[in-house]
Amino acid sequence: MKKQAAAMSRREALKALAIGTVAGTAVTLTSTAVAESSDVTPAVSKGEGYRETPHIRAYYASLR
């Protein structure tokens, strides 16, 4: 009876290993597809970068 219980747990372990491998592959493929399909919009559109305004100039002057 003890040998049979050990054989069952070995079978279950191999089955779990196979299922885990398949599930891991599915998750990897799904996350890769989602990452490639997502559109990322830039936070700042082109042309709206750094601008030296009067309060920035005043700050620079205070550092001298």
Protein backbone atom coordinates (compact mmCIF):
# COMPACT_ATOMS: atom_id res chain seq x y z
CA MET A 1 0.00 0.00 0.00
CA LYS A 2 2.87 2.35 0.77
CA LYS A 3 4.47 1.82 -2.67
CA GLN A 4 1.21 2.64 -4.40
CA ALA A 5 0.87 5.92 -2.50
CA ALA A 6 4.44 6.90 -3.46
CA ALA A 7 3.76 6.11 -7.12
CA MET A 8 0.63 8.24 -7.09
CA SER A 9 2.44 11.23 -5.64
CA ARG A 10 5.17 10.85 -8.27
CA ARG A 11 2.55 10.82 -11.01
CA GLU A 12 0.86 13.83 -9.52
CA ALA A 13 4.19 15.65 -9.30
CA LEU A 14 4.96 14.96 -12.96
CA LYS A 15 1.47 16.03 -13.97
CA ALA A 16 1.79 19.25 -11.98
CA LEU A 17 5.18 19.93 -13.57
CA ALA A 18 3.73 19.51 -17.06
CA ILE A 19 0.71 21.70 -16.30
CA GLY A 20 2.93 24.36 -14.72
CA THR A 21 5.17 24.46 -17.77
CA VAL A 22 2.22 24.89 -20.11
CA ALA A 23 0.68 27.58 -17.88
CA GLY A 24 3.99 29.44 -17.61
CA THR A 25 4.42 29.44 -21.37
CA ALA A 26 0.87 30.71 -21.86
CA VAL A 27 1.41 33.57 -19.42
CA THR A 28 4.69 34.54 -21.07
CA LEU A 29 3.18 34.58 -24.55
CA THR A 30 0.12 36.50 -23.39
CA SER A 31 2.12 39.17 -21.56
CA THR A 32 4.43 39.60 -24.55
CA ALA A 33 1.47 40.07 -26.87
CA VAL A 34 -0.13 42.60 -24.53
CA ALA A 35 3.11 44.55 -24.19
CA GLU A 36 3.54 44.74 -27.96
CA SER A 37 -0.05 45.79 -28.62
CA SER A 38 -0.34 48.59 -26.05
CA ASP A 39 -0.06 52.11 -27.43
CA VAL A 40 2.04 54.41 -25.32
CA THR A 41 1.38 58.10 -25.73
CA PRO A 42 4.11 60.50 -24.71
CA ALA A 43 3.41 62.60 -21.63
CA VAL A 44 4.70 65.75 -23.34
CA SER A 45 4.00 66.37 -26.98
CA LYS A 46 6.84 67.56 -29.18
CA GLY A 47 7.64 71.24 -28.92
CA GLU A 48 6.59 71.59 -25.29
CA GLY A 49 9.92 70.90 -23.67
CA TYR A 50 12.04 73.11 -21.45
CA ARG A 51 11.22 76.81 -21.52
CA GLU A 52 13.14 79.46 -19.65
CA THR A 53 10.46 81.62 -18.05
CA PRO A 54 10.96 84.69 -15.84
CA HIS A 55 10.65 82.74 -12.60
CA ILE A 56 13.27 80.23 -13.88
CA ARG A 57 15.61 83.11 -14.72
CA ALA A 58 15.07 84.53 -11.23
CA TYR A 59 15.96 81.17 -9.71
CA TYR A 60 19.14 80.94 -11.81
CA ALA A 61 20.06 84.48 -10.76
CA SER A 62 19.65 83.54 -7.09
CA LEU A 63 22.18 80.72 -7.51
CA ARG A 64 24.96 83.11 -8.60
